[in-house]
Amino acid sequence: MSALSLAERLDLTVAIAREAGRMIVTAREQQGFGHRYKLGDELVTDVDVQVDTFIKQRLNAAFPDDAILSEELSPQADGLAEAEALWVVDPIDGTVNFAHGLRHVAVSIAWAVKGETQLGVVHAPFLEETFTGMLGQGAFCNQQPIRASQASELSRALVATGFPHRRSERAALIQRLTATLNHCQDVRRNGSAALDLCDVACGRLDAYYESVSPWDSAAGWLIAREAGATVSHRYPCPKDVPPDLYSKHLLVTAPDIHQALEQLLREADGAA
């Protein structure tokens, strides 16, 4: 493993994420990228692959002994618990937003040691915001400390979620969505799990729930937790996957509403 301190490693990660963000902004301005669909429904652009390649090259150069899990180039999530040091990368979280000219787009990079996330960076180039967190050292947006909301009533909570790319999997979400709409203030669907987690971290959202992929959530999960949000999974994690890297059934909330929202969602699933 590199001799860099955690703070030095974070600074380098921020630099990589911001350079990747500049690539994303330039690509949108030039509007010359192609796209395709993987697994039938999930949009991928040429820029996703180019940015993933750039980040992987930079990480390999700086940390040649570390493993990398990334959405486009190294998407196999087997053996997460065995990795001594692991980078988890989403080159563009919010690809559909990116392709359609929307602003909720982020570069997400996390670093874990033996399954425990040590640092996370989520950079939103079109919003000009960089969220960071280090284990046990708090969370920040543009170097300013952030804290989760102090919401105490579920009926006043603003909640975010998302929907899977595969249309066949969306029907199962309707009961949870209906329950949330009936019992909370409102629901937002912004199209970037990483930024939803960061919005909980800085108190713009009171809660977020969804099932995603590790590269969508690893950095934002740490940032939200370091900002004082309560993080959990609505159902038990598999024994062979570290909780920090298990990305299904995520529930991240202001502390005082966590239990109530978890119960609401489980009842909607028929699992209470």
C-alpha atoms as a PDB file:
ATOM      1  CA  MET A   1       0.000   0.000   0.000  1.00  0.00           C
ATOM      2  CA  SER A   2       1.129   3.585  -0.661  1.00  0.00           C
ATOM      3  CA  ALA A   3       2.892   5.443   2.159  1.00  0.00           C
ATOM      4  CA  LEU A   4       0.623   8.463   1.653  1.00  0.00           C
ATOM      5  CA  SER A   5      -1.396   9.571   4.660  1.00  0.00           C
ATOM      6  CA  LEU A   6      -5.168   9.356   4.428  1.00  0.00           C
ATOM      7  CA  ALA A   7      -5.397  13.141   4.032  1.00  0.00           C
ATOM      8  CA  GLU A   8      -2.840  13.088   1.202  1.00  0.00           C
ATOM      9  CA  ARG A   9      -4.708  10.253  -0.462  1.00  0.00           C
ATOM     10  CA  LEU A  10      -7.919  12.264  -0.183  1.00  0.00           C
ATOM     11  CA  ASP A  11      -6.292  15.329  -1.763  1.00  0.00           C
ATOM     12  CA  LEU A  12      -5.107  13.253  -4.708  1.00  0.00           C
ATOM     13  CA  THR A  13      -8.550  11.684  -5.083  1.00  0.00           C
ATOM     14  CA  VAL A  14     -10.170  15.125  -5.139  1.00  0.00           C
ATOM     15  CA  ALA A  15      -7.734  16.241  -7.847  1.00  0.00           C
ATOM     16  CA  ILE A  16      -8.536  13.171  -9.951  1.00  0.00           C
ATOM     17  CA  ALA A  17     -12.301  13.643  -9.492  1.00  0.00           C
ATOM     18  CA  ARG A  18     -12.143  17.308 -10.474  1.00  0.00           C
ATOM     19  CA  GLU A  19     -10.087  16.563 -13.572  1.00  0.00           C
ATOM     20  CA  ALA A  20     -12.618  13.886 -14.494  1.00  0.00           C
ATOM     21  CA  GLY A  21     -15.340  16.475 -13.947  1.00  0.00           C
ATOM     22  CA  ARG A  22     -13.683  18.829 -16.405  1.00  0.00           C
ATOM     23  CA  MET A  23     -13.663  16.023 -18.969  1.00  0.00           C
ATOM     24  CA  ILE A  24     -17.405  15.561 -18.432  1.00  0.00           C
ATOM     25  CA  VAL A  25     -18.176  19.260 -18.818  1.00  0.00           C
ATOM     26  CA  THR A  26     -16.080  19.522 -21.981  1.00  0.00           C
ATOM     27  CA  ALA A  27     -17.739  16.460 -23.481  1.00  0.00           C
ATOM     28  CA  ARG A  28     -21.190  17.909 -22.942  1.00  0.00           C
ATOM     29  CA  GLU A  29     -20.171  21.242 -24.441  1.00  0.00           C
ATOM     30  CA  GLN A  30     -18.822  19.502 -27.532  1.00  0.00           C
ATOM     31  CA  GLN A  31     -21.838  17.156 -27.816  1.00  0.00           C
ATOM     32  CA  GLY A  32     -19.866  14.650 -29.867  1.00  0.00           C
ATOM     33  CA  PHE A  33     -20.272  11.520 -27.758  1.00  0.00           C
ATOM     34  CA  GLY A  34     -22.003   8.319 -28.787  1.00  0.00           C
ATOM     35  CA  HIS A  35     -24.070   6.034 -26.611  1.00  0.00           C
ATOM     36  CA  ARG A  36     -25.371   2.498 -26.316  1.00  0.00           C
ATOM     37  CA  TYR A  37     -27.451   0.417 -23.908  1.00  0.00           C
ATOM     38  CA  LYS A  38     -26.081  -2.369 -21.749  1.00  0.00           C
ATOM     39  CA  LEU A  39     -28.340  -5.140 -20.470  1.00  0.00           C
ATOM     40  CA  GLY A  40     -31.026  -3.740 -22.731  1.00  0.00           C
ATOM     41  CA  ASP A  41     -32.044  -0.686 -20.679  1.00  0.00           C
ATOM     42  CA  GLU A  42     -29.031   1.014 -19.069  1.00  0.00           C
ATOM     43  CA  LEU A  43     -27.595   3.955 -20.977  1.00  0.00           C
ATOM     44  CA  VAL A  44     -23.814   4.159 -21.408  1.00  0.00           C
ATOM     45  CA  THR A  45     -22.018   6.956 -23.265  1.00  0.00           C
ATOM     46  CA  ASP A  46     -18.540   7.070 -24.731  1.00  0.00           C
ATOM     47  CA  VAL A  47     -17.750   9.601 -22.028  1.00  0.00           C
ATOM     48  CA  ASP A  48     -18.496   7.101 -19.238  1.00  0.00           C
ATOM     49  CA  VAL A  49     -15.825   4.801 -20.656  1.00  0.00           C
ATOM     50  CA  GLN A  50     -13.334   7.604 -21.323  1.00  0.00           C
ATOM     51  CA  VAL A  51     -13.649   9.010 -17.808  1.00  0.00           C
ATOM     52  CA  ASP A  52     -13.489   5.548 -16.241  1.00  0.00           C
ATOM     53  CA  THR A  53     -10.312   4.870 -18.233  1.00  0.00           C
ATOM     54  CA  PHE A  54      -8.769   8.154 -17.090  1.00  0.00           C
ATOM     55  CA  ILE A  55      -9.559   7.538 -13.415  1.00  0.00           C
ATOM     56  CA  LYS A  56      -8.301   3.967 -13.564  1.00  0.00           C
ATOM     57  CA  GLN A  57      -5.037   5.062 -15.194  1.00  0.00           C
ATOM     58  CA  ARG A  58      -4.475   7.744 -12.555  1.00  0.00           C
ATOM     59  CA  LEU A  59      -5.219   5.377  -9.682  1.00  0.00           C
ATOM     60  CA  ASN A  60      -3.044   2.611 -11.126  1.00  0.00           C
ATOM     61  CA  ALA A  61      -0.150   5.052 -11.514  1.00  0.00           C
ATOM     62  CA  ALA A  62      -0.430   6.319  -7.951  1.00  0.00           C
ATOM     63  CA  PHE A  63      -1.469   3.095  -6.214  1.00  0.00           C
ATOM     64  CA  PRO A  64      -0.340   0.137  -8.355  1.00  0.00           C
ATOM     65  CA  ASP A  65      -1.012  -2.430  -5.622  1.00  0.00           C
ATOM     66  CA  ASP A  66      -4.631  -1.410  -5.000  1.00  0.00           C
ATOM     67  CA  ALA A  67      -7.577  -3.165  -6.631  1.00  0.00           C
ATOM     68  CA  ILE A  68     -10.208  -1.183  -8.556  1.00  0.00           C
ATOM     69  CA  LEU A  69     -13.938  -1.823  -8.861  1.00  0.00           C
ATOM     70  CA  SER A  70     -15.449   0.491 -11.482  1.00  0.00           C
ATOM     71  CA  GLU A  71     -18.734   0.573 -13.321  1.00  0.00           C
ATOM     72  CA  GLU A  72     -17.509   0.398 -16.912  1.00  0.00           C
ATOM     73  CA  LEU A  73     -14.066  -1.235 -16.851  1.00  0.00           C
ATOM     74  CA  SER A  74     -13.980  -3.476 -13.763  1.00  0.00           C
ATOM     75  CA  PRO A  75     -17.590  -4.153 -12.752  1.00  0.00           C
ATOM     76  CA  GLN A  76     -17.149  -7.552 -11.076  1.00  0.00           C
ATOM     77  CA  ALA A  77     -18.013  -7.120  -7.418  1.00  0.00           C
ATOM     78  CA  ASP A  78     -17.010 -10.620  -6.275  1.00  0.00           C
ATOM     79  CA  GLY A  79     -14.517 -10.875  -3.449  1.00  0.00           C
ATOM     80  CA  LEU A  80     -15.064  -7.415  -1.957  1.00  0.00           C
ATOM     81  CA  ALA A  81     -14.329  -8.681   1.531  1.00  0.00           C
ATOM     82  CA  GLU A  82     -10.941 -10.110   0.498  1.00  0.00           C
ATOM     83  CA  ALA A  83      -9.494  -6.952  -1.071  1.00  0.00           C
ATOM     84  CA  GLU A  84      -6.745  -5.451   1.075  1.00  0.00           C
ATOM     85  CA  ALA A  85      -7.161  -2.034  -0.553  1.00  0.00           C
ATOM     86  CA  LEU A  86      -9.944  -1.267  -3.021  1.00  0.00           C
ATOM     87  CA  TRP A  87     -10.994   1.768  -5.045  1.00  0.00           C
ATOM     88  CA  VAL A  88     -14.696   1.918  -5.952  1.00  0.00           C
ATOM     89  CA  VAL A  89     -15.361   4.212  -8.906  1.00  0.00           C
ATOM     90  CA  ASP A  90     -18.392   5.539 -10.748  1.00  0.00           C
ATOM     91  CA  PRO A  91     -17.090   7.756 -13.574  1.00  0.00           C
ATOM     92  CA  ILE A  92     -20.501   9.330 -14.215  1.00  0.00           C
ATOM     93  CA  ASP A  93     -23.244   8.764 -11.687  1.00  0.00           C
ATOM     94  CA  GLY A  94     -26.296  10.123 -13.441  1.00  0.00           C
ATOM     95  CA  THR A  95     -25.498   9.127 -17.023  1.00  0.00           C
ATOM     96  CA  VAL A  96     -29.077   9.716 -18.192  1.00  0.00           C
ATOM     97  CA  ASN A  97     -28.975  13.196 -16.661  1.00  0.00           C
ATOM     98  CA  PHE A  98     -25.632  13.844 -18.376  1.00  0.00           C
ATOM     99  CA  ALA A  99     -26.934  12.758 -21.778  1.00  0.00           C
ATOM    100  CA  HIS A 100     -30.071  14.890 -21.441  1.00  0.00           C
ATOM    101  CA  GLY A 101     -28.345  18.068 -20.285  1.00  0.00           C
ATOM    102  CA  LEU A 102     -29.396  17.913 -16.636  1.00  0.00           C
ATOM    103  CA  ARG A 103     -27.098  19.013 -13.820  1.00  0.00           C
ATOM    104  CA  HIS A 104     -27.347  16.153 -11.299  1.00  0.00           C
ATOM    105  CA  VAL A 105     -24.201  14.358 -12.464  1.00  0.00           C
ATOM    106  CA  ALA A 106     -21.293  13.232 -10.298  1.00  0.00           C
ATOM    107  CA  VAL A 107     -17.931  11.520 -10.228  1.00  0.00           C
ATOM    108  CA  SER A 108     -17.844   9.147  -7.255  1.00  0.00           C
ATOM    109  CA  ILE A 109     -14.631   7.631  -5.866  1.00  0.00           C
ATOM    110  CA  ALA A 110     -14.225   5.721  -2.593  1.00  0.00           C
ATOM    111  CA  TRP A 111     -11.304   3.883  -1.054  1.00  0.00           C
ATOM    112  CA  ALA A 112     -11.763   0.910   1.276  1.00  0.00           C
ATOM    113  CA  VAL A 113      -9.347  -1.201   3.303  1.00  0.00           C
ATOM    114  CA  LYS A 114     -10.487  -4.735   4.107  1.00  0.00           C
ATOM    115  CA  GLY A 115     -14.064  -3.742   3.330  1.00  0.00           C
ATOM    116  CA  GLU A 116     -14.150  -0.608   5.483  1.00  0.00           C
ATOM    117  CA  THR A 117     -14.438   2.640   3.542  1.00  0.00           C
ATOM    118  CA  GLN A 118     -11.729   5.105   4.528  1.00  0.00           C
ATOM    119  CA  LEU A 119     -12.466   8.058   2.257  1.00  0.00           C
ATOM    120  CA  GLY A 120     -15.070   9.194  -0.227  1.00  0.00           C
ATOM    121  CA  VAL A 121     -15.218  11.922  -2.857  1.00  0.00           C
ATOM    122  CA  VAL A 122     -18.311  12.923  -4.817  1.00  0.00           C
ATOM    123  CA  HIS A 123     -17.701  15.734  -7.296  1.00  0.00           C
ATOM    124  CA  ALA A 124     -20.611  17.390  -9.119  1.00  0.00           C
ATOM    125  CA  PRO A 125     -19.015  19.344 -11.982  1.00  0.00           C
ATOM    126  CA  PHE A 126     -22.135  21.142 -13.205  1.00  0.00           C
ATOM    127  CA  LEU A 127     -23.112  22.143  -9.666  1.00  0.00           C
ATOM    128  CA  GLU A 128     -19.506  23.086  -8.782  1.00  0.00           C
ATOM    129  CA  GLU A 129     -19.662  21.096  -5.545  1.00  0.00           C
ATOM    130  CA  THR A 130     -17.148  18.620  -4.165  1.00  0.00           C
ATOM    131  CA  PHE A 131     -18.226  16.478  -1.214  1.00  0.00           C
ATOM    132  CA  THR A 132     -15.573  14.698   0.818  1.00  0.00           C
ATOM    133  CA  GLY A 133     -15.372  12.498   3.868  1.00  0.00           C
ATOM    134  CA  MET A 134     -12.713  10.583   5.788  1.00  0.00           C
ATOM    135  CA  LEU A 135     -13.381   7.881   8.333  1.00  0.00           C
ATOM    136  CA  GLY A 136     -13.830   9.472  11.746  1.00  0.00           C
ATOM    137  CA  GLN A 137     -13.012  12.969  10.510  1.00  0.00           C
ATOM    138  CA  GLY A 138     -16.302  14.444   9.363  1.00  0.00           C
ATOM    139  CA  ALA A 139     -17.774  15.446   6.020  1.00  0.00           C
ATOM    140  CA  PHE A 140     -17.387  18.560   3.900  1.00  0.00           C
ATOM    141  CA  CYS A 141     -18.755  20.331   0.828  1.00  0.00           C
ATOM    142  CA  ASN A 142     -16.249  22.598  -0.885  1.00  0.00           C
ATOM    143  CA  GLN A 143     -14.115  22.276   2.268  1.00  0.00           C
ATOM    144  CA  GLN A 144     -16.902  23.544   4.542  1.00  0.00           C
ATOM    145  CA  PRO A 145     -18.265  21.191   7.243  1.00  0.00           C
ATOM    146  CA  ILE A 146     -21.705  19.717   6.588  1.00  0.00           C
ATOM    147  CA  ARG A 147     -24.278  18.044   8.840  1.00  0.00           C
ATOM    148  CA  ALA A 148     -27.349  15.936   8.270  1.00  0.00           C
ATOM    149  CA  SER A 149     -30.741  17.444   8.993  1.00  0.00           C
ATOM    150  CA  GLN A 150     -32.382  17.339  12.408  1.00  0.00           C
ATOM    151  CA  ALA A 151     -35.781  16.321  11.030  1.00  0.00           C
ATOM    152  CA  SER A 152     -37.845  14.697  13.764  1.00  0.00           C
ATOM    153  CA  GLU A 153     -41.211  14.075  12.097  1.00  0.00           C
ATOM    154  CA  LEU A 154     -41.675  11.654   9.227  1.00  0.00           C
ATOM    155  CA  SER A 155     -44.649  13.679   8.016  1.00  0.00           C
ATOM    156  CA  ARG A 156     -42.329  16.646   7.381  1.00  0.00           C
ATOM    157  CA  ALA A 157     -39.491  14.671   5.798  1.00  0.00           C
ATOM    158  CA  LEU A 158     -38.327  15.213   2.217  1.00  0.00           C
ATOM    159  CA  VAL A 159     -37.258  11.806   0.917  1.00  0.00           C
ATOM    160  CA  ALA A 160     -35.309  10.787  -2.190  1.00  0.00           C
ATOM    161  CA  THR A 161     -35.260   7.486  -4.011  1.00  0.00           C
ATOM    162  CA  GLY A 162     -34.589   6.106  -7.482  1.00  0.00           C
ATOM    163  CA  PHE A 163     -35.812   3.490  -9.901  1.00  0.00           C
ATOM    164  CA  PRO A 164     -33.911   0.602 -11.537  1.00  0.00           C
ATOM    165  CA  HIS A 165     -32.985   0.764 -15.207  1.00  0.00           C
ATOM    166  CA  ARG A 166     -34.867  -2.441 -15.946  1.00  0.00           C
ATOM    167  CA  ARG A 167     -38.546  -1.626 -16.335  1.00  0.00           C
ATOM    168  CA  SER A 168     -39.496  -5.140 -15.272  1.00  0.00           C
ATOM    169  CA  GLU A 169     -38.123  -4.411 -11.770  1.00  0.00           C
ATOM    170  CA  ARG A 170     -40.052  -1.188 -11.211  1.00  0.00           C
ATOM    171  CA  ALA A 171     -43.448  -2.598 -10.276  1.00  0.00           C
ATOM    172  CA  ALA A 172     -42.133  -3.816  -6.917  1.00  0.00           C
ATOM    173  CA  LEU A 173     -41.239  -0.240  -5.965  1.00  0.00           C
ATOM    174  CA  ILE A 174     -44.738   1.183  -6.245  1.00  0.00           C
ATOM    175  CA  GLN A 175     -45.908   0.116  -2.794  1.00  0.00           C
ATOM    176  CA  ARG A 176     -42.858   1.688  -1.131  1.00  0.00           C
ATOM    177  CA  LEU A 177     -43.265   4.857  -3.165  1.00  0.00           C
ATOM    178  CA  THR A 178     -46.975   5.105  -2.354  1.00  0.00           C
ATOM    179  CA  ALA A 179     -46.327   4.634   1.352  1.00  0.00           C
ATOM    180  CA  THR A 180     -43.631   7.303   1.318  1.00  0.00           C
ATOM    181  CA  LEU A 181     -45.824   9.785  -0.538  1.00  0.00           C
ATOM    182  CA  ASN A 182     -48.693   9.157   1.884  1.00  0.00           C
ATOM    183  CA  HIS A 183     -46.650   9.515   5.069  1.00  0.00           C
ATOM    184  CA  CYS A 184     -43.836  11.974   4.224  1.00  0.00           C
ATOM    185  CA  GLN A 185     -43.783  15.552   2.996  1.00  0.00           C
ATOM    186  CA  ASP A 186     -42.755  14.657  -0.561  1.00  0.00           C
ATOM    187  CA  VAL A 187     -40.421  12.537  -2.702  1.00  0.00           C
ATOM    188  CA  ARG A 188     -37.589  13.546  -5.011  1.00  0.00           C
ATOM    189  CA  ARG A 189     -36.063  11.455  -7.801  1.00  0.00           C
ATOM    190  CA  ASN A 190     -32.909  13.276  -8.872  1.00  0.00           C
ATOM    191  CA  GLY A 191     -31.202  10.528 -10.864  1.00  0.00           C
ATOM    192  CA  SER A 192     -27.876  10.310  -8.992  1.00  0.00           C
ATOM    193  CA  ALA A 193     -27.587   8.073  -5.936  1.00  0.00           C
ATOM    194  CA  ALA A 194     -24.212   9.578  -5.021  1.00  0.00           C
ATOM    195  CA  LEU A 195     -25.659  13.091  -4.919  1.00  0.00           C
ATOM    196  CA  ASP A 196     -28.801  11.963  -3.094  1.00  0.00           C
ATOM    197  CA  LEU A 197     -26.553  10.587  -0.348  1.00  0.00           C
ATOM    198  CA  CYS A 198     -24.599  13.837  -0.252  1.00  0.00           C
ATOM    199  CA  ASP A 199     -27.821  15.850  -0.124  1.00  0.00           C
ATOM    200  CA  VAL A 200     -28.798  13.871   2.971  1.00  0.00           C
ATOM    201  CA  ALA A 201     -25.314  14.578   4.328  1.00  0.00           C
ATOM    202  CA  CYS A 202     -25.760  18.344   4.032  1.00  0.00           C
ATOM    203  CA  GLY A 203     -29.403  18.434   5.142  1.00  0.00           C
ATOM    204  CA  ARG A 204     -31.062  19.247   1.823  1.00  0.00           C
ATOM    205  CA  LEU A 205     -32.828  15.901   2.012  1.00  0.00           C
ATOM    206  CA  ASP A 206     -34.023  14.225   5.186  1.00  0.00           C
ATOM    207  CA  ALA A 207     -33.790  10.665   3.892  1.00  0.00           C
ATOM    208  CA  TYR A 208     -32.875   8.440   0.968  1.00  0.00           C
ATOM    209  CA  TYR A 209     -33.644   4.795   0.185  1.00  0.00           C
ATOM    210  CA  GLU A 210     -32.800   2.659  -2.841  1.00  0.00           C
ATOM    211  CA  SER A 211     -30.983  -0.433  -4.087  1.00  0.00           C
ATOM    212  CA  VAL A 212     -28.072   0.429  -6.379  1.00  0.00           C
ATOM    213  CA  SER A 213     -24.549  -0.809  -7.222  1.00  0.00           C
ATOM    214  CA  PRO A 214     -21.465  -0.416  -5.004  1.00  0.00           C
ATOM    215  CA  TRP A 215     -19.918   2.270  -7.213  1.00  0.00           C
ATOM    216  CA  ASP A 216     -23.087   4.377  -6.866  1.00  0.00           C
ATOM    217  CA  SER A 217     -23.094   4.408  -3.087  1.00  0.00           C
ATOM    218  CA  ALA A 218     -19.661   3.692  -1.560  1.00  0.00           C
ATOM    219  CA  ALA A 219     -18.425   7.298  -1.374  1.00  0.00           C
ATOM    220  CA  GLY A 220     -21.751   8.930  -0.543  1.00  0.00           C
ATOM    221  CA  TRP A 221     -22.495   6.348   2.166  1.00  0.00           C
ATOM    222  CA  LEU A 222     -19.324   7.326   4.045  1.00  0.00           C
ATOM    223  CA  ILE A 223     -19.922  11.048   3.527  1.00  0.00           C
ATOM    224  CA  ALA A 224     -23.485  10.809   4.861  1.00  0.00           C
ATOM    225  CA  ARG A 225     -22.413   8.793   7.884  1.00  0.00           C
ATOM    226  CA  GLU A 226     -19.576  11.199   8.654  1.00  0.00           C
ATOM    227  CA  ALA A 227     -22.082  14.068   8.448  1.00  0.00           C
ATOM    228  CA  GLY A 228     -24.173  12.495  11.199  1.00  0.00           C
ATOM    229  CA  ALA A 229     -26.810  10.695   9.162  1.00  0.00           C
ATOM    230  CA  THR A 230     -27.946   7.260  10.293  1.00  0.00           C
ATOM    231  CA  VAL A 231     -27.074   4.622   7.686  1.00  0.00           C
ATOM    232  CA  SER A 232     -28.357   1.062   7.473  1.00  0.00           C
ATOM    233  CA  HIS A 233     -29.772  -1.639   5.226  1.00  0.00           C
ATOM    234  CA  ARG A 234     -33.445  -2.491   5.489  1.00  0.00           C
ATOM    235  CA  TYR A 235     -32.578  -6.181   5.293  1.00  0.00           C
ATOM    236  CA  PRO A 236     -29.480  -8.101   6.443  1.00  0.00           C
ATOM    237  CA  CYS A 237     -26.285  -7.924   4.413  1.00  0.00           C
ATOM    238  CA  PRO A 238     -24.867 -11.127   2.915  1.00  0.00           C
ATOM    239  CA  LYS A 239     -22.127 -12.543   5.114  1.00  0.00           C
ATOM    240  CA  ASP A 240     -19.537 -12.318   2.327  1.00  0.00           C
ATOM    241  CA  VAL A 241     -20.089  -8.602   1.570  1.00  0.00           C
ATOM    242  CA  PRO A 242     -18.841  -5.833   3.905  1.00  0.00           C
ATOM    243  CA  PRO A 243     -21.702  -3.549   5.015  1.00  0.00           C
ATOM    244  CA  ASP A 244     -19.864  -0.462   3.708  1.00  0.00           C
ATOM    245  CA  LEU A 245     -19.840  -1.968   0.213  1.00  0.00           C
ATOM    246  CA  TYR A 246     -23.271  -3.624   0.237  1.00  0.00           C
ATOM    247  CA  SER A 247     -25.449  -1.395  -1.920  1.00  0.00           C
ATOM    248  CA  LYS A 248     -28.879  -3.034  -1.721  1.00  0.00           C
ATOM    249  CA  HIS A 249     -31.747  -1.858   0.501  1.00  0.00           C
ATOM    250  CA  LEU A 250     -29.934   1.332   1.503  1.00  0.00           C
ATOM    251  CA  LEU A 251     -31.600   3.553   4.080  1.00  0.00           C
ATOM    252  CA  VAL A 252     -29.869   6.829   5.002  1.00  0.00           C
ATOM    253  CA  THR A 253     -31.723   9.377   7.090  1.00  0.00           C
ATOM    254  CA  ALA A 254     -31.726  12.110   9.688  1.00  0.00           C
ATOM    255  CA  PRO A 255     -31.240  10.154  12.943  1.00  0.00           C
ATOM    256  CA  ASP A 256     -34.621  10.846  14.536  1.00  0.00           C
ATOM    257  CA  ILE A 257     -36.722   9.528  11.648  1.00  0.00           C
ATOM    258  CA  HIS A 258     -34.689   6.442  10.788  1.00  0.00           C
ATOM    259  CA  GLN A 259     -36.675   3.873  12.717  1.00  0.00           C
ATOM    260  CA  ALA A 260     -40.039   5.227  11.556  1.00  0.00           C
ATOM    261  CA  LEU A 261     -39.062   5.269   7.883  1.00  0.00           C
ATOM    262  CA  GLU A 262     -37.538   1.802   8.087  1.00  0.00           C
ATOM    263  CA  GLN A 263     -40.747   0.452   9.591  1.00  0.00           C
ATOM    264  CA  LEU A 264     -42.843   2.233   6.953  1.00  0.00           C
ATOM    265  CA  LEU A 265     -40.820   0.766   4.078  1.00  0.00           C
ATOM    266  CA  ARG A 266     -40.767  -2.735   5.553  1.00  0.00           C
ATOM    267  CA  GLU A 267     -44.540  -2.624   6.051  1.00  0.00           C
ATOM    268  CA  ALA A 268     -44.912  -1.545   2.426  1.00  0.00           C
ATOM    269  CA  ASP A 269     -42.871  -4.596   1.460  1.00  0.00           C
ATOM    270  CA  GLY A 270     -45.053  -6.805   3.603  1.00  0.00           C
ATOM    271  CA  ALA A 271     -42.011  -7.658   5.706  1.00  0.00           C
ATOM    272  CA  ALA A 272     -42.740  -5.859   8.993  1.00  0.00           C
END
